[in-house]
Protein backbone atom coordinates (compact mmCIF):
# COMPACT_ATOMS: atom_id res chain seq x y z
CA MET A 1 113.27 127.88 84.24
CA ALA A 2 114.76 126.80 87.66
CA ASN A 3 113.24 127.48 90.89
CA ALA A 4 114.86 129.93 93.14
CA GLU A 5 116.48 126.91 95.43
CA ASN A 6 118.36 126.12 92.50
CA SER A 7 121.66 127.36 91.27
CA PHE A 8 121.49 128.15 87.31
CA SER A 9 124.08 129.90 84.95
CA GLU A 10 125.41 130.28 81.45
CA THR A 11 128.54 128.82 83.05
CA THR A 12 128.87 126.99 86.13
CA TYR A 13 131.91 126.03 88.00
CA TRP A 14 132.27 122.73 90.00
CA ARG A 15 135.14 121.62 92.19
CA SER A 16 136.82 118.49 90.98
CA THR A 17 137.67 115.61 93.53
CA LYS A 18 140.79 115.27 92.44
CA ALA A 19 143.13 117.58 93.56
CA ASP A 20 146.64 118.75 92.28
CA THR A 21 150.02 118.42 93.33
CA LEU A 22 149.78 121.49 95.72
CA GLY A 23 146.39 120.14 97.46
CA VAL A 24 144.68 122.78 95.48
CA TYR A 25 141.29 121.68 93.99
CA ARG A 26 140.71 122.29 90.59
CA TYR A 27 137.52 124.18 88.89
CA ILE A 28 136.61 123.20 86.01
CA PRO A 29 134.02 125.26 84.05
CA PHE A 30 130.65 122.99 82.22
CA PRO A 31 128.46 125.50 80.08
CA ASN A 32 124.75 125.22 80.93
CA THR A 33 124.72 123.62 83.80
CA CYS A 34 122.03 123.90 86.63
CA VAL A 35 123.34 123.53 90.38
CA LEU A 36 120.88 121.73 93.14
CA ASN A 37 121.70 122.50 96.56
CA ARG A 38 118.71 121.48 98.01
CA LYS A 39 115.40 119.40 97.27
CA PRO A 40 113.60 120.97 94.53
CA ARG A 41 110.14 122.12 94.75
CA HIS A 42 107.69 120.53 92.91
CA ASP A 43 107.40 120.30 89.35
CA SER A 44 110.82 122.51 89.12
CA ARG A 45 112.22 122.26 86.14
CA THR A 46 115.36 123.12 83.92
CA ASN A 47 116.64 122.70 80.36
CA ALA A 48 120.20 122.53 80.99
CA ASP A 49 122.20 119.69 79.58
CA TYR A 50 124.03 119.28 83.05
CA VAL A 51 122.63 119.19 86.60
CA LEU A 52 125.12 119.10 89.34
CA LEU A 53 123.85 116.83 92.23
CA ASP A 54 125.94 115.93 95.52
CA GLY A 55 129.15 116.92 93.84
CA ASP A 56 128.26 114.80 91.22
CA LEU A 57 128.10 115.96 87.31
CA LEU A 58 125.04 114.34 85.51
CA LYS A 59 124.02 114.59 82.22
CA VAL A 60 120.30 115.07 81.31
CA ASN A 61 117.96 114.23 78.24
CA THR A 62 117.05 117.72 77.58
CA HIS A 63 118.26 117.51 73.74
CA GLN A 64 120.51 120.25 74.05
CA GLY A 65 118.17 122.85 75.83
CA LYS A 66 115.17 122.24 73.47
CA TYR A 67 113.43 120.87 75.97
CA GLU A 68 113.01 120.75 79.95
CA VAL A 69 113.43 118.19 82.38
CA ARG A 70 112.12 118.20 85.84
CA THR A 71 114.54 118.19 88.60
CA ASP A 72 112.41 117.16 91.49
CA ILE A 73 111.82 113.87 89.58
CA VAL A 74 115.99 113.89 88.95
CA TRP A 75 117.05 114.91 92.57
CA SER A 76 114.49 112.02 93.77
CA GLY A 77 115.57 109.11 91.61
CA TYR A 78 119.31 109.80 91.60
CA GLN A 79 119.21 109.80 95.43
CA ARG A 80 117.79 106.13 94.92
CA MET A 81 120.46 105.42 92.35
CA LYS A 82 123.65 106.84 94.42
CA TRP A 83 122.15 105.03 97.50
CA LEU A 84 122.04 101.97 96.04
CA GLN A 85 125.72 102.74 93.82
CA GLN A 86 127.46 102.93 97.81
CA LYS A 87 125.86 100.10 98.73
CA CYS A 88 126.62 97.78 95.88
CA LYS A 89 129.33 99.56 94.17
CA ARG A 90 128.15 98.23 90.98
CA ILE A 91 124.29 98.30 90.46
CA PHE A 92 122.12 97.06 87.00
CA GLN A 93 119.57 99.37 85.48
CA ILE A 94 116.21 98.08 83.98
CA ARG A 95 113.62 100.67 82.11
CA LEU A 96 110.30 98.89 81.41
CA GLU A 97 107.24 100.35 80.02
CA THR A 98 103.55 99.74 80.59
CA PRO A 99 100.95 99.74 77.78
CA THR A 100 98.22 102.48 77.66
CA PHE A 101 95.49 102.40 80.41
CA LYS A 102 92.13 103.68 79.85
CA SER A 103 91.00 104.05 83.10
CA GLU A 104 92.11 104.57 86.92
CA ALA A 105 91.35 101.41 87.97
CA GLU A 106 93.87 99.67 85.36
CA CYS A 107 96.47 102.57 86.82
CA LYS A 108 95.68 100.92 90.21
CA LYS A 109 96.39 97.46 89.07
CA PHE A 110 99.66 98.54 87.93
CA VAL A 111 100.70 99.74 91.64
CA ARG A 112 99.87 96.33 92.74
CA VAL A 113 101.79 94.40 89.95
CA LEU A 114 104.42 96.49 90.24
CA ASP A 115 104.78 95.34 93.80
CA VAL A 116 104.64 91.60 92.66
CA LEU A 117 107.26 92.41 90.57
CA ILE A 118 109.60 94.06 93.58
CA ARG A 119 109.03 90.99 95.69
CA PHE A 120 109.58 88.45 93.17
CA VAL A 121 112.85 90.47 92.04
CA LYS A 122 114.45 90.37 95.82
CA ARG A 123 113.42 86.70 96.09
CA HIS A 124 114.56 85.38 92.41
CA TYR A 125 118.31 87.43 93.36
CA ASN A 126 118.23 86.76 96.93
CA THR A 127 118.76 90.86 97.60
CA LYS A 128 117.37 93.41 99.56
CA TYR A 129 119.14 95.85 97.43
CA VAL A 130 116.32 97.05 94.67
CA GLN A 131 115.28 100.78 94.27
CA TYR A 132 112.96 101.85 91.58
CA LEU A 133 111.58 105.23 89.86
CA TYR A 134 107.98 105.39 88.25
CA VAL A 135 106.25 108.27 86.43
CA ARG A 136 102.46 108.35 85.20
CA GLU A 137 101.88 110.33 82.20
CA LYS A 138 98.92 111.00 80.05
CA SER A 139 98.38 111.54 76.22
CA SER A 140 95.72 113.82 75.58
CA ASN A 141 93.52 111.68 73.46
CA ARG A 142 94.61 108.27 74.83
CA GLY A 143 95.05 107.31 78.14
CA TRP A 144 97.55 106.54 80.82
CA HIS A 145 101.31 104.93 80.94
CA TYR A 146 103.58 104.49 82.64
CA HIS A 147 107.76 104.37 82.36
CA LEU A 148 109.87 102.44 85.08
CA VAL A 149 113.68 102.53 86.12
CA ILE A 150 114.72 99.77 88.67
CA TRP A 151 118.29 99.44 90.59
CA ILE A 152 119.23 96.33 91.37
CA ASP A 153 122.93 95.10 92.95
CA GLY A 154 124.82 94.67 90.20
CA LYS A 155 126.77 91.39 91.52
CA VAL A 156 123.29 89.03 91.33
CA CYS A 157 121.80 90.67 88.21
CA ARG A 158 123.37 91.19 85.07
CA ASN A 159 120.77 91.17 82.37
CA GLN A 160 117.54 92.49 82.07
CA HIS A 161 115.74 89.38 80.42
CA VAL A 162 114.64 87.62 83.30
CA ILE A 163 112.76 90.49 84.79
CA TRP A 164 111.48 91.89 81.53
CA GLN A 165 109.68 88.25 80.82
CA TYR A 166 108.23 88.42 84.18
CA TRP A 167 106.70 91.63 83.78
CA ASN A 168 104.78 90.99 80.71
CA GLN A 169 103.73 88.06 82.42
CA LEU A 170 102.32 90.13 85.47
CA LEU A 171 100.65 92.53 83.02
CA TRP A 172 99.01 89.93 81.55
CA ASP A 173 98.04 87.87 84.11
CA ALA A 174 96.34 91.31 85.65
CA HIS A 175 94.65 91.72 81.93
CA LEU A 176 96.48 94.74 81.30
CA LEU A 177 97.88 92.97 78.17
CA THR A 178 94.97 91.81 76.18
CA GLU A 179 95.42 91.56 72.95
CA LEU A 180 97.36 89.10 70.78
CA ASP A 181 99.57 89.66 67.83
CA LYS A 182 99.25 88.89 64.28
CA HIS A 183 100.17 84.96 65.46
CA GLY A 184 97.72 84.87 67.70
CA ARG A 185 100.55 84.57 70.76
CA PRO A 186 100.16 86.95 73.58
CA ASN A 187 101.34 90.47 73.01
CA GLU A 188 104.10 91.89 75.20
CA ILE A 189 105.53 95.06 75.50
CA LYS A 190 108.87 95.07 73.85
CA LYS A 191 112.54 95.91 75.63
CA VAL A 192 113.68 99.46 75.98
CA LYS A 193 116.64 99.91 73.58
CA GLY A 194 119.31 100.19 75.94
CA GLY A 195 117.12 99.53 78.82
CA GLY A 196 119.41 97.30 80.75
CA VAL A 197 122.79 98.18 81.75
CA MET A 198 125.61 97.97 84.47
CA VAL A 199 126.89 100.78 86.19
CA LYS A 200 129.69 101.22 88.71
CA LEU A 201 130.55 103.49 91.12
CA SER A 202 133.68 104.34 90.23
CA ASP A 203 132.98 105.01 86.64
CA PRO A 204 131.51 108.71 86.87
CA ASN A 205 131.00 108.91 83.16
CA GLY A 206 128.99 105.93 83.06
CA THR A 207 126.86 106.97 85.81
CA SER A 208 126.11 110.08 83.83
CA ALA A 209 125.01 108.29 81.19
CA ALA A 210 123.01 106.10 83.06
CA VAL A 211 121.12 108.94 84.03
CA ARG A 212 120.96 110.75 81.13
CA ALA A 213 118.76 107.51 79.85
CA TRP A 214 116.56 107.53 82.65
CA SER A 215 116.07 111.66 82.78
CA TYR A 216 113.86 111.08 80.03
CA LEU A 217 111.39 109.79 82.65
CA ALA A 218 111.44 113.12 84.04
CA LYS A 219 110.47 115.14 80.71
CA PRO A 220 107.33 117.62 81.90
CA ARG A 221 105.01 117.17 79.19
CA THR A 222 102.17 114.70 79.70
CA LYS A 223 102.69 115.46 83.52
CA GLY A 224 100.37 116.88 85.80
CA ARG A 225 96.84 115.77 84.24
CA GLY A 226 95.55 113.52 86.87
CA ALA A 227 93.14 114.41 89.63
CA LEU A 228 93.88 117.37 92.33
CA ASN A 229 97.02 116.02 94.41
CA THR A 230 97.90 113.28 92.90
CA ARG A 231 101.40 112.16 92.20
CA ASP A 232 102.70 111.85 89.19
CA PHE A 233 105.83 109.83 89.93
CA GLN A 234 107.11 107.75 93.29
CA THR A 235 109.90 106.11 94.09
CA SER A 236 110.87 103.30 96.44
CA MET A 237 111.24 103.99 100.30
CA LEU A 238 115.20 104.61 101.25
CA PRO A 239 116.16 103.30 104.49
CA ARG A 240 115.83 105.62 107.40
CA THR A 241 119.80 106.63 108.41
CA ARG A 242 120.32 106.14 111.84
CA SER A 243 121.39 109.11 114.05
């Protein structure tokens, strides 16, 4: 259930950015929409099909209300995604996974490896426009694993292969991938189906579909199982705006 700062109702009316010939904004009803008027509190949740955030109607992956998503994660991720969209007009979205980690030491390795990956992406594509969100989850009887989404300037990056290939190499070099497949070759993390997609600022439907894809990261189950005061998600830093 959404927290008090989130307006939630069975039908929410939102203002379209397109005005009619009389200059009167049209109000279009959308069922089962959660309106985020401010930054949600930690672990705020909703099972709505849509989230209205900064005037943008975004579909989220709740399987028609069967599951919840954490609105604090959706909020934080979309702030990074939208900032980059406004800077670059089109961005390339990539989702990555990790193997299961058995210890906190391996989790710390992941953070270091991710830092190397982001520095590689900026250097390889000669761009400073990179943002990311990752979440940490723990299966009750297995171990920790991470889900990661990266947004990159779409003018310089148009597919996920280079980053996916380098990600596997980094995991192997850090001894986070340690098994060989049945052919004796190094094991690798498989590409996420539909994990690479171009998202244009001018295409709100494409943006909504891209958010739905990565909103899987915002599912609350398997999160919150770390030590006291540890974060179960992290984002890149947004540049400070000049006053």
